[in-house]
Amino acid sequence: MISRFARVGLVALAASTALVSIAEAAGVLSIGRREDSSTFDPINTAQNIDFWVFMNVYDVLVRVDKSGAELVPGLAESWEISDDGLTYTFHLRDANFSDGTPITSTDAMFSLERVRDSELSLWADGYKIISDMQTPDDKTLVITLSEQSAPFLSTLAMPATSVISKAGFEEMGQEAYAENPIASGAFIVKDWLRGDRVILEKNPEFWEADRVSLDGVEWISMPDDNTRMLSVQAGELDAAIFVPFSRVEELQADDSLTVHIEPSTREDHLLLNHESEPLNNLAVREAIDYAIDKQAIVDTVTFGQGTVANSYVPAGALYHSADNGARPFDPELAKSTLAEAGIEDIKLDYLVNAGNEVDEQVAVLIQQQLSNVGIDVNLVKMDPSQTWDMLVDGEYDLSMMYWTNDILDPDQKTTFVLGHDVNMNYMTRYQNDTVAQLVADARLELDPTKREAMYHEIQALAKADAHWIDLFYSPFINVSRAGVENFDQNPLGRFFLEDTVITE
């Protein structure tokens, strides 16, 4: 999930040159997006820009349906769970990788071992509960857990668990496979022009190949929102994602376009670097929370499409708690909180993704709102290609990011942002041992009522600590040209390009 900014950026020239391509051929869908991909190694990324592409390059054992609410068979056509909840037996369907070799239980086991054990894995914590795996035959995978786990089946729909070829990976090596993978999904990576585009073509070996209408897909990197929208309006792109809120009404008035406003699990928030003084002081984080007028941001920036966020768990998602101690907008209380703590002359660097219209607008509003309580904010605009590494390296004080859930269960996001330090609690460097233990305990609690109470407590504790500042929830907003049908994205972010059709 997850605001995930690419490590490799787009040169400005690409915006004008990227559009003369094989995408002009019938049956090839061109999609404009902000950032370029960073890898095709499923375990070594936490970025939507990667997940949303390779969800159609790889397949998983268990999928999430279009509604974003149900688990359905993927490469595993069926499964059984033992009475004690510790043993899961998966029966794989007859399917091949793009090189024509069969997809076996050994490949599925190898893929899960990498998520659990590899030092490259960003998702290991959610899979340490796997104590043993056996492959009694090529189509049967038996997974034994060390303890019962409420979210385990949901975690197998996570893009990080994408099934890769064991033989191909061992022959090619990690770096080569991450550049040019052997596909288990609907499309093959034909070419990856760094900083420009990823070119996919239909995988004839895909077990649902008859379902796929498109001959290929081009994901074209265009970081400037305005340029991307103009390109789809001009017919130079078939579709574009991340439509700015300010452009929705204009695009809806164009009969040649369809604007897709779809339910999402997206939550935008302001990251706070807890290792940066004075943000390591709770009083300062509280004051910032009081000083930010979230409703004004929603009204000004989202044009009515967003709603104020009060928790890291999206509204409507499993175990969301609205009663978690969310702070009201109260600039006077912000001032008195700082005064009581004896803290003055606060200067903070706010890392902004240049070219992202919403990011830039929110940054200006927050700069103004914090100035009203005596906090001086310096806006540092950077190309998105640099932003991610700066966050990882801790070279920031504040920065706006977003997250979309990748599984149905709240464990994934909770673990990643509050429960461990693989990614430094999503670059905030937040530490609370009580919260971390609750996160681990909630993963094992099977009673839904008790589990819900645990997640409500987690949300309240995180809010009390001001681990970050929740800003707003919003839908996915994409646009496509007339003649593009079934350009669907579910609430977890997956595009169902195997169903997309170009009719004209």
Protein backbone atom coordinates (compact mmCIF):
# COMPACT_ATOMS: atom_id res chain seq x y z
CA MET A 1 0.00 0.00 0.00
CA ILE A 2 0.58 3.38 0.85
CA SER A 3 2.00 6.65 -0.58
CA ARG A 4 4.84 5.24 -2.45
CA PHE A 5 7.06 7.65 -4.37
CA ALA A 6 9.41 6.24 -6.97
CA ARG A 7 13.16 6.29 -6.52
CA VAL A 8 13.65 6.83 -10.23
CA GLY A 9 12.15 10.02 -11.64
CA LEU A 10 10.94 11.26 -14.98
CA VAL A 11 12.99 13.70 -17.00
CA ALA A 12 10.90 16.62 -18.14
CA LEU A 13 11.42 15.77 -21.80
CA ALA A 14 9.49 12.54 -21.40
CA ALA A 15 6.23 14.42 -20.99
CA SER A 16 6.43 15.57 -24.59
CA THR A 17 8.17 12.60 -26.19
CA ALA A 18 6.48 9.76 -24.36
CA LEU A 19 3.36 9.88 -26.47
CA VAL A 20 4.69 8.63 -29.81
CA SER A 21 4.67 4.94 -29.08
CA ILE A 22 3.23 1.54 -29.72
CA ALA A 23 0.32 2.72 -27.58
CA GLU A 24 -1.06 4.17 -30.82
CA ALA A 25 -1.60 0.60 -32.01
CA ALA A 26 -5.05 -0.89 -31.59
CA GLY A 27 -5.48 -2.80 -28.38
CA VAL A 28 -2.65 -1.14 -26.44
CA LEU A 29 -3.85 1.00 -23.53
CA SER A 30 -1.73 4.02 -22.59
CA ILE A 31 -2.07 5.23 -18.98
CA GLY A 32 -0.47 8.38 -17.62
CA ARG A 33 0.75 8.28 -14.02
CA ARG A 34 2.97 10.46 -11.84
CA GLU A 35 6.04 8.36 -11.07
CA ASP A 36 8.04 5.63 -12.71
CA SER A 37 8.25 2.14 -11.24
CA SER A 38 11.12 1.33 -8.90
CA THR A 39 11.23 -2.49 -9.07
CA PHE A 40 9.41 -5.66 -10.07
CA ASP A 41 10.65 -7.53 -7.00
CA PRO A 42 7.40 -8.01 -5.05
CA ILE A 43 9.01 -8.10 -1.59
CA ASN A 44 11.24 -5.06 -1.99
CA THR A 45 8.75 -2.24 -2.41
CA ALA A 46 5.97 -0.52 -0.48
CA GLN A 47 4.89 1.79 -3.28
CA ASN A 48 1.60 1.96 -5.18
CA ILE A 49 3.48 2.87 -8.33
CA ASP A 50 4.97 -0.63 -8.24
CA PHE A 51 2.05 -2.60 -6.82
CA TRP A 52 -0.53 -1.18 -9.20
CA VAL A 53 1.55 -2.25 -12.21
CA PHE A 54 2.68 -5.68 -11.13
CA MET A 55 -0.74 -6.69 -9.83
CA ASN A 56 -1.37 -7.43 -13.51
CA VAL A 57 2.10 -8.91 -14.10
CA TYR A 58 1.94 -11.37 -11.21
CA ASP A 59 -0.83 -13.49 -9.75
CA VAL A 60 -1.31 -14.43 -6.10
CA LEU A 61 -2.74 -17.48 -4.36
CA VAL A 62 -5.79 -15.57 -3.10
CA ARG A 63 -7.24 -12.44 -4.68
CA VAL A 64 -9.49 -9.61 -3.56
CA ASP A 65 -12.55 -9.11 -5.77
CA LYS A 66 -13.59 -5.93 -7.59
CA SER A 67 -15.74 -4.80 -4.69
CA GLY A 68 -12.68 -4.83 -2.46
CA ALA A 69 -14.67 -6.74 0.16
CA GLU A 70 -14.26 -10.45 -0.58
CA LEU A 71 -11.42 -12.95 -0.95
CA VAL A 72 -11.66 -15.10 -4.09
CA PRO A 73 -9.52 -17.84 -5.64
CA GLY A 74 -6.42 -16.85 -7.56
CA LEU A 75 -3.68 -19.35 -8.39
CA ALA A 76 -5.14 -21.40 -5.55
CA GLU A 77 -8.49 -22.64 -6.84
CA SER A 78 -9.48 -23.90 -3.39
CA TRP A 79 -8.20 -24.31 0.17
CA GLU A 80 -9.01 -25.85 3.53
CA ILE A 81 -8.19 -24.68 7.05
CA SER A 82 -7.71 -27.22 9.83
CA ASP A 83 -10.01 -27.23 12.85
CA ASP A 84 -7.25 -25.81 15.06
CA GLY A 85 -6.70 -22.92 12.62
CA LEU A 86 -3.00 -23.70 12.22
CA THR A 87 -2.83 -25.57 8.91
CA TYR A 88 -3.85 -24.16 5.52
CA THR A 89 -3.90 -26.51 2.53
CA PHE A 90 -3.99 -24.82 -0.88
CA HIS A 91 -4.80 -26.58 -4.14
CA LEU A 92 -3.22 -24.81 -7.12
CA ARG A 93 -4.92 -24.71 -10.50
CA ASP A 94 -3.19 -25.70 -13.73
CA ALA A 95 -1.35 -22.54 -14.78
CA ASN A 96 1.91 -21.56 -16.45
CA PHE A 97 4.46 -18.79 -16.14
CA SER A 98 5.02 -16.59 -19.19
CA ASP A 99 8.00 -18.75 -20.19
CA GLY A 100 5.68 -21.76 -20.51
CA THR A 101 6.85 -23.59 -17.40
CA PRO A 102 4.20 -24.82 -14.93
CA ILE A 103 3.44 -22.81 -11.80
CA THR A 104 3.92 -25.26 -8.96
CA SER A 105 3.52 -25.38 -5.22
CA THR A 106 7.31 -25.13 -4.99
CA ASP A 107 7.16 -21.72 -6.69
CA ALA A 108 4.44 -20.57 -4.28
CA MET A 109 6.47 -21.79 -1.29
CA PHE A 110 9.63 -20.10 -2.58
CA SER A 111 7.74 -16.82 -3.01
CA LEU A 112 6.43 -16.92 0.57
CA GLU A 113 9.85 -17.89 1.94
CA ARG A 114 11.30 -14.76 0.33
CA VAL A 115 8.64 -12.53 1.92
CA ARG A 116 9.28 -14.09 5.33
CA ASP A 117 13.06 -14.58 5.28
CA SER A 118 14.80 -12.31 2.78
CA GLU A 119 16.72 -9.32 4.11
CA LEU A 120 15.21 -7.40 1.19
CA SER A 121 11.65 -7.94 2.41
CA LEU A 122 9.75 -4.93 3.69
CA TRP A 123 6.87 -7.16 4.77
CA ALA A 124 8.53 -9.93 6.78
CA ASP A 125 6.73 -9.27 10.07
CA GLY A 126 3.34 -10.32 8.71
CA TYR A 127 4.70 -13.71 7.59
CA LYS A 128 6.96 -14.75 10.48
CA ILE A 129 3.97 -16.69 11.79
CA ILE A 130 4.56 -19.27 9.03
CA SER A 131 6.46 -22.03 10.85
CA ASP A 132 6.50 -24.66 8.12
CA MET A 133 5.58 -25.23 4.48
CA GLN A 134 5.33 -28.52 2.63
CA THR A 135 4.68 -29.43 -1.02
CA PRO A 136 3.31 -32.99 -1.09
CA ASP A 137 2.83 -32.63 -4.85
CA ASP A 138 3.20 -29.98 -7.53
CA LYS A 139 -0.30 -28.63 -6.97
CA THR A 140 -0.57 -28.77 -3.17
CA LEU A 141 0.92 -26.33 -0.69
CA VAL A 142 0.50 -26.96 3.04
CA ILE A 143 1.26 -24.01 5.32
CA THR A 144 1.52 -24.45 9.09
CA LEU A 145 1.36 -21.46 11.41
CA SER A 146 3.01 -21.17 14.80
CA GLU A 147 -0.17 -19.57 16.16
CA GLN A 148 -3.66 -18.89 14.90
CA SER A 149 -3.80 -15.66 12.88
CA ALA A 150 -6.95 -13.72 12.07
CA PRO A 151 -5.52 -11.86 9.04
CA PHE A 152 -3.42 -14.67 7.56
CA LEU A 153 -5.64 -15.59 4.61
CA SER A 154 -6.01 -11.90 3.73
CA THR A 155 -2.22 -11.47 3.75
CA LEU A 156 -1.93 -13.99 0.91
CA ALA A 157 -3.69 -11.48 -1.36
CA MET A 158 -0.93 -8.96 -0.64
CA PRO A 159 1.07 -8.01 -3.79
CA ALA A 160 4.27 -8.83 -1.88
CA THR A 161 3.23 -12.51 -2.00
CA SER A 162 3.06 -12.52 -5.81
CA VAL A 163 4.09 -15.92 -7.11
CA ILE A 164 7.41 -15.83 -8.95
CA SER A 165 9.36 -18.56 -10.73
CA LYS A 166 11.84 -20.24 -8.40
CA ALA A 167 13.88 -21.65 -11.28
CA GLY A 168 13.83 -18.37 -13.19
CA PHE A 169 14.79 -16.32 -10.13
CA GLU A 170 17.67 -18.62 -9.24
CA GLU A 171 18.96 -18.60 -12.81
CA MET A 172 18.61 -14.84 -13.36
CA GLY A 173 19.39 -13.52 -9.89
CA GLN A 174 17.46 -10.93 -7.89
CA GLU A 175 18.57 -7.82 -9.78
CA ALA A 176 17.81 -9.20 -13.24
CA TYR A 177 14.47 -10.65 -12.14
CA ALA A 178 13.48 -7.33 -10.58
CA GLU A 179 14.08 -5.67 -13.96
CA ASN A 180 12.59 -8.28 -16.29
CA PRO A 181 10.42 -10.78 -14.41
CA ILE A 182 8.81 -13.99 -15.57
CA ALA A 183 5.10 -13.26 -15.34
CA SER A 184 2.44 -15.30 -13.58
CA GLY A 185 -0.30 -12.76 -14.35
CA ALA A 186 -2.11 -11.27 -17.31
CA PHE A 187 0.77 -9.24 -18.79
CA ILE A 188 4.49 -9.59 -19.50
CA VAL A 189 7.03 -6.81 -19.00
CA LYS A 190 8.17 -6.28 -22.57
CA ASP A 191 10.35 -3.28 -21.80
CA TRP A 192 11.05 -0.83 -19.00
CA LEU A 193 12.41 2.51 -20.18
CA ARG A 194 13.64 4.02 -16.93
CA GLY A 195 12.19 7.42 -16.20
CA ASP A 196 9.74 7.08 -19.08
CA ARG A 197 7.45 4.07 -19.24
CA VAL A 198 6.79 0.43 -18.53
CA ILE A 199 5.59 -1.47 -21.60
CA LEU A 200 3.48 -4.56 -20.99
CA GLU A 201 2.15 -7.06 -23.49
CA LYS A 202 -0.48 -9.75 -23.15
CA ASN A 203 0.74 -12.98 -21.57
CA PRO A 204 -0.55 -15.84 -23.76
CA GLU A 205 0.34 -18.34 -21.03
CA PHE A 206 -1.88 -16.66 -18.42
CA TRP A 207 -4.47 -19.13 -17.13
CA GLU A 208 -7.20 -16.56 -17.85
CA ALA A 209 -5.74 -15.39 -21.18
CA ASP A 210 -9.15 -15.72 -22.88
CA ARG A 211 -10.42 -13.06 -20.48
CA VAL A 212 -7.80 -10.50 -21.62
CA SER A 213 -8.81 -8.21 -24.50
CA LEU A 214 -5.88 -5.78 -24.51
CA ASP A 215 -2.76 -6.54 -26.54
CA GLY A 216 -0.70 -4.50 -24.12
CA VAL A 217 -0.49 -1.63 -21.68
CA GLU A 218 1.90 1.31 -21.43
CA TRP A 219 2.30 2.98 -18.04
CA ILE A 220 3.76 6.39 -18.93
CA SER A 221 5.41 8.54 -16.28
CA MET A 222 4.21 12.16 -16.32
CA PRO A 223 4.76 13.77 -12.90
CA ASP A 224 3.08 17.09 -13.66
CA ASP A 225 -0.66 16.82 -13.04
CA ASN A 226 -1.58 19.51 -15.56
CA THR A 227 0.48 17.96 -18.35
CA ARG A 228 -1.05 14.55 -17.69
CA MET A 229 -4.62 15.87 -17.83
CA LEU A 230 -3.96 17.88 -21.00
CA SER A 231 -2.52 14.77 -22.64
CA VAL A 232 -5.61 12.68 -22.01
CA GLN A 233 -7.85 15.54 -23.12
CA ALA A 234 -5.87 15.78 -26.36
CA GLY A 235 -6.20 12.06 -27.00
CA GLU A 236 -2.48 11.46 -26.54
CA LEU A 237 -3.27 9.13 -23.62
CA ASP A 238 -6.10 6.64 -23.32
CA ALA A 239 -6.33 7.15 -19.57
CA ALA A 240 -4.71 8.90 -16.64
CA ILE A 241 -4.73 8.31 -12.91
CA PHE A 242 -4.44 10.75 -9.98
CA VAL A 243 -6.86 13.29 -11.40
CA PRO A 244 -6.52 16.51 -9.38
CA PHE A 245 -9.66 17.43 -7.45
CA SER A 246 -9.68 20.82 -9.17
CA ARG A 247 -10.02 19.24 -12.63
CA VAL A 248 -12.91 16.84 -11.99
CA GLU A 249 -15.75 19.17 -13.00
CA GLU A 250 -13.97 20.30 -16.16
CA LEU A 251 -13.20 16.74 -17.25
CA GLN A 252 -16.74 15.58 -16.48
CA ALA A 253 -18.05 18.24 -18.89
CA ASP A 254 -16.00 16.74 -21.75
CA ASP A 255 -18.16 14.22 -23.63
CA SER A 256 -15.06 12.46 -24.95
CA LEU A 257 -13.97 11.51 -21.42
CA THR A 258 -15.22 9.39 -18.53
CA VAL A 259 -14.22 10.39 -15.01
CA HIS A 260 -14.11 7.41 -12.65
CA ILE A 261 -14.75 8.31 -8.99
CA GLU A 262 -14.47 5.07 -7.05
CA PRO A 263 -14.44 4.09 -3.38
CA SER A 264 -10.97 3.81 -1.90
CA THR A 265 -9.04 3.12 1.26
CA ARG A 266 -6.89 6.17 0.65
CA GLU A 267 -5.89 8.28 3.64
CA ASP A 268 -3.68 11.35 3.30
CA HIS A 269 -1.62 12.36 6.31
CA LEU A 270 1.26 14.54 7.41
CA LEU A 271 4.35 12.59 8.41
CA LEU A 272 6.25 13.88 11.44
CA ASN A 273 9.89 12.91 11.90
CA HIS A 274 10.05 11.95 15.60
CA GLU A 275 13.85 11.99 15.57
CA SER A 276 13.96 15.64 14.51
CA GLU A 277 14.01 18.27 17.23
CA PRO A 278 11.63 19.63 18.41
CA LEU A 279 9.25 17.06 16.87
CA ASN A 280 10.57 14.55 19.39
CA ASN A 281 8.56 16.56 21.95
CA LEU A 282 4.91 15.45 22.20
CA ALA A 283 3.78 19.00 23.00
CA VAL A 284 5.04 20.20 19.62
CA ARG A 285 3.31 17.38 17.76
CA GLU A 286 0.09 18.09 19.67
CA ALA A 287 0.33 21.78 18.87
CA ILE A 288 0.76 21.05 15.17
CA ASP A 289 -2.33 18.82 15.26
CA TYR A 290 -4.40 21.53 16.98
CA ALA A 291 -3.13 24.19 14.57
CA ILE A 292 -4.11 22.43 11.32
CA ASP A 293 -7.63 23.11 10.07
CA LYS A 294 -8.40 19.81 8.34
CA GLN A 295 -11.87 20.89 7.25
CA ALA A 296 -10.45 23.98 5.57
CA ILE A 297 -7.99 21.73 3.70
CA VAL A 298 -10.82 19.43 2.60
CA ASP A 299 -12.96 22.37 1.47
CA THR A 300 -10.16 24.18 -0.33
CA VAL A 301 -8.25 21.30 -1.88
CA THR A 302 -10.64 18.39 -2.48
CA PHE A 303 -13.60 20.38 -3.90
CA GLY A 304 -16.03 18.33 -1.85
CA GLN A 305 -14.57 14.95 -2.82
CA GLY A 306 -12.76 14.36 0.49
CA THR A 307 -13.74 14.08 4.13
CA VAL A 308 -11.73 14.90 7.24
CA ALA A 309 -9.69 11.92 8.46
CA ASN A 310 -9.71 11.13 12.16
CA SER A 311 -7.72 7.88 12.18
CA TYR A 312 -5.06 6.04 10.24
CA VAL A 313 -7.73 3.35 9.67
CA PRO A 314 -9.94 4.60 6.81
CA ALA A 315 -13.57 5.38 7.54
CA GLY A 316 -15.68 2.37 6.66
CA ALA A 317 -12.76 -0.03 6.91
CA LEU A 318 -12.64 -2.92 9.37
CA TYR A 319 -12.30 -1.74 13.01
CA HIS A 320 -12.24 1.98 12.23
CA SER A 321 -12.81 4.00 15.39
CA ALA A 322 -14.14 7.54 15.20
CA ASP A 323 -13.98 7.89 18.99
CA ASN A 324 -10.20 7.92 19.37
CA GLY A 325 -9.43 11.30 20.89
CA ALA A 326 -8.90 13.13 17.62
CA ARG A 327 -7.90 16.72 18.35
CA PRO A 328 -10.14 19.58 17.18
CA PHE A 329 -8.89 22.59 15.27
CA ASP A 330 -7.92 24.98 18.07
CA PRO A 331 -5.08 27.40 17.29
CA GLU A 332 -5.33 29.04 20.70
CA LEU A 333 -4.84 25.68 22.39
CA ALA A 334 -1.90 25.08 20.05
CA LYS A 335 -0.30 28.31 21.25
CA SER A 336 -0.90 27.58 24.94
CA THR A 337 0.42 24.03 24.55
CA LEU A 338 3.70 25.38 23.18
CA ALA A 339 3.83 28.09 25.83
CA GLU A 340 3.32 25.63 28.68
CA ALA A 341 6.11 23.47 27.25
CA GLY A 342 8.37 26.52 27.03
CA ILE A 343 9.12 25.96 23.36
CA GLU A 344 9.69 28.91 21.04
CA ASP A 345 11.21 29.76 17.65
CA ILE A 346 10.22 26.50 15.96
CA LYS A 347 11.50 26.17 12.40
CA LEU A 348 10.58 23.11 10.33
CA ASP A 349 11.39 21.89 6.80
CA TYR A 350 8.36 20.58 4.92
CA LEU A 351 9.26 18.24 2.04
CA VAL A 352 6.87 18.78 -0.90
CA ASN A 353 6.49 16.73 -4.08
CA ALA A 354 6.87 19.24 -6.90
CA GLY A 355 4.27 18.94 -9.67
CA ASN A 356 1.70 17.30 -7.39
CA GLU A 357 -1.05 19.90 -7.31
CA VAL A 358 -2.72 18.65 -4.13
CA ASP A 359 0.56 18.23 -2.25
CA GLU A 360 1.59 21.77 -3.13
CA GLN A 361 -1.77 23.28 -2.16
CA VAL A 362 -1.90 21.45 1.18
CA ALA A 363 1.67 22.47 1.95
CA VAL A 364 0.86 26.16 1.48
CA LEU A 365 -2.24 25.89 3.68
CA ILE A 366 -0.37 24.09 6.45
CA GLN A 367 2.48 26.58 6.22
CA GLN A 368 -0.03 29.40 6.76
CA GLN A 369 -1.90 27.63 9.56
CA LEU A 370 1.27 26.78 11.49
CA SER A 371 2.53 30.32 11.03
CA ASN A 372 -0.60 31.49 12.88
CA VAL A 373 0.62 29.68 16.01
CA GLY A 374 4.25 30.77 15.72
CA ILE A 375 5.72 27.81 13.84
CA ASP A 376 7.90 28.77 10.86
CA VAL A 377 7.67 26.27 8.02
CA ASN A 378 10.10 26.21 5.10
CA LEU A 379 8.67 24.49 1.99
CA VAL A 380 11.27 22.33 0.24
CA LYS A 381 9.98 21.33 -3.20
CA MET A 382 11.67 18.26 -4.62
CA ASP A 383 11.19 16.01 -7.61
CA PRO A 384 9.30 12.87 -6.50
CA SER A 385 12.28 10.82 -7.63
CA GLN A 386 14.19 12.22 -4.65
CA THR A 387 11.43 12.39 -2.05
CA TRP A 388 11.30 8.75 -1.02
CA ASP A 389 15.02 8.43 -0.31
CA MET A 390 14.97 11.66 1.70
CA LEU A 391 12.15 10.29 3.85
CA VAL A 392 13.99 7.01 4.37
CA ASP A 393 17.17 8.90 5.28
CA GLY A 394 15.30 11.15 7.71
CA GLU A 395 16.13 14.31 5.77
CA TYR A 396 12.84 16.01 6.55
CA ASP A 397 10.67 17.34 9.37
CA LEU A 398 7.21 17.26 7.76
CA SER A 399 5.93 15.71 4.55
CA MET A 400 2.50 14.80 3.22
CA MET A 401 2.02 11.18 2.16
CA TYR A 402 -0.86 8.83 1.52
CA TRP A 403 -1.67 5.18 2.05
CA THR A 404 -4.08 2.76 0.43
CA ASN A 405 -4.72 -0.62 2.02
CA ASP A 406 -3.45 -3.65 0.11
CA ILE A 407 -5.39 -6.27 2.08
CA LEU A 408 -8.83 -6.35 3.70
CA ASP A 409 -7.52 -6.66 7.25
CA PRO A 410 -6.15 -3.64 9.20
CA ASP A 411 -3.10 -5.64 10.30
CA GLN A 412 -1.03 -4.71 7.25
CA LYS A 413 -1.18 -0.95 7.65
CA THR A 414 -1.12 -1.11 11.44
CA THR A 415 1.99 -3.26 11.43
CA PHE A 416 3.75 -1.10 8.88
CA VAL A 417 3.08 2.29 10.46
CA LEU A 418 2.95 1.44 14.18
CA GLY A 419 4.17 -2.07 14.87
CA HIS A 420 7.76 -2.50 13.69
CA ASP A 421 10.80 -0.67 12.44
CA VAL A 422 11.60 -2.23 9.06
CA ASN A 423 10.59 1.07 7.49
CA MET A 424 10.95 3.03 10.75
CA ASN A 425 7.19 2.99 11.22
CA TYR A 426 6.71 4.45 7.78
CA MET A 427 9.58 6.89 8.11
CA THR A 428 8.13 8.65 11.17
CA ARG A 429 10.60 6.93 13.54
CA TYR A 430 7.67 6.65 15.97
CA GLN A 431 8.31 4.31 18.89
CA ASN A 432 5.83 3.05 21.48
CA ASP A 433 6.48 -0.44 22.85
CA THR A 434 2.95 -0.73 24.25
CA VAL A 435 1.45 -0.01 20.85
CA ALA A 436 3.85 -2.40 19.12
CA GLN A 437 2.87 -5.20 21.49
CA LEU A 438 -0.83 -4.50 20.97
CA VAL A 439 -0.30 -4.68 17.21
CA ALA A 440 1.32 -8.10 17.58
CA ASP A 441 -1.41 -9.31 19.97
CA ALA A 442 -4.26 -8.10 17.75
CA ARG A 443 -2.86 -10.16 14.89
CA LEU A 444 -3.38 -13.32 16.96
CA GLU A 445 -6.75 -12.51 18.54
CA LEU A 446 -9.53 -14.51 16.87
CA ASP A 447 -12.53 -13.16 18.79
CA PRO A 448 -13.84 -10.30 16.56
CA THR A 449 -15.22 -8.33 19.50
CA LYS A 450 -11.98 -8.49 21.45
CA ARG A 451 -9.97 -7.77 18.32
CA GLU A 452 -12.06 -4.71 17.53
CA ALA A 453 -11.48 -3.40 21.06
CA MET A 454 -7.74 -3.87 20.62
CA TYR A 455 -7.70 -1.90 17.37
CA HIS A 456 -9.76 0.85 18.97
CA GLU A 457 -7.15 1.06 21.74
CA ILE A 458 -4.33 1.12 19.21
CA GLN A 459 -5.97 4.03 17.37
CA ALA A 460 -6.47 5.95 20.62
CA LEU A 461 -2.86 5.43 21.76
CA ALA A 462 -1.45 6.40 18.37
CA LYS A 463 -3.61 9.51 18.30
CA ALA A 464 -2.53 10.44 21.85
CA ASP A 465 1.09 10.21 20.70
CA ALA A 466 0.38 12.23 17.52
CA HIS A 467 2.29 9.58 15.57
CA TRP A 468 1.34 11.54 12.44
CA ILE A 469 -1.44 14.01 11.54
CA ASP A 470 -4.46 12.48 9.79
CA LEU A 471 -5.69 14.88 7.09
CA PHE A 472 -8.39 13.49 4.79
CA TYR A 473 -9.95 10.46 3.14
CA SER A 474 -10.75 10.59 -0.58
CA PRO A 475 -11.90 8.38 -3.46
CA PHE A 476 -9.77 7.17 -6.34
CA ILE A 477 -10.27 9.56 -9.27
CA ASN A 478 -9.16 8.47 -12.73
CA VAL A 479 -10.10 9.47 -16.27
CA SER A 480 -10.31 7.58 -19.56
CA ARG A 481 -11.16 8.34 -23.17
CA ALA A 482 -14.44 7.32 -24.75
CA GLY A 483 -14.09 3.82 -26.09
CA VAL A 484 -12.17 2.58 -23.06
CA GLU A 485 -14.45 0.26 -21.10
CA ASN A 486 -14.05 -1.52 -17.76
CA PHE A 487 -11.20 0.68 -16.57
CA ASP A 488 -11.89 -0.37 -12.99
CA GLN A 489 -9.94 0.12 -9.76
CA ASN A 490 -11.07 -1.53 -6.54
CA PRO A 491 -10.84 0.15 -3.10
CA LEU A 492 -7.44 -1.47 -2.49
CA GLY A 493 -6.06 0.09 -5.67
CA ARG A 494 -5.95 -2.89 -8.03
CA PHE A 495 -6.69 -2.12 -11.69
CA PHE A 496 -8.51 -4.99 -13.40
CA LEU A 497 -6.80 -4.49 -16.77
CA GLU A 498 -7.52 -8.09 -17.71
CA ASP A 499 -11.12 -6.87 -18.19
CA THR A 500 -10.39 -3.52 -19.88
CA VAL A 501 -11.54 -3.17 -23.50
CA ILE A 502 -10.79 -0.56 -26.17
CA THR A 503 -13.81 -0.35 -28.47
CA GLU A 504 -12.74 2.50 -30.74
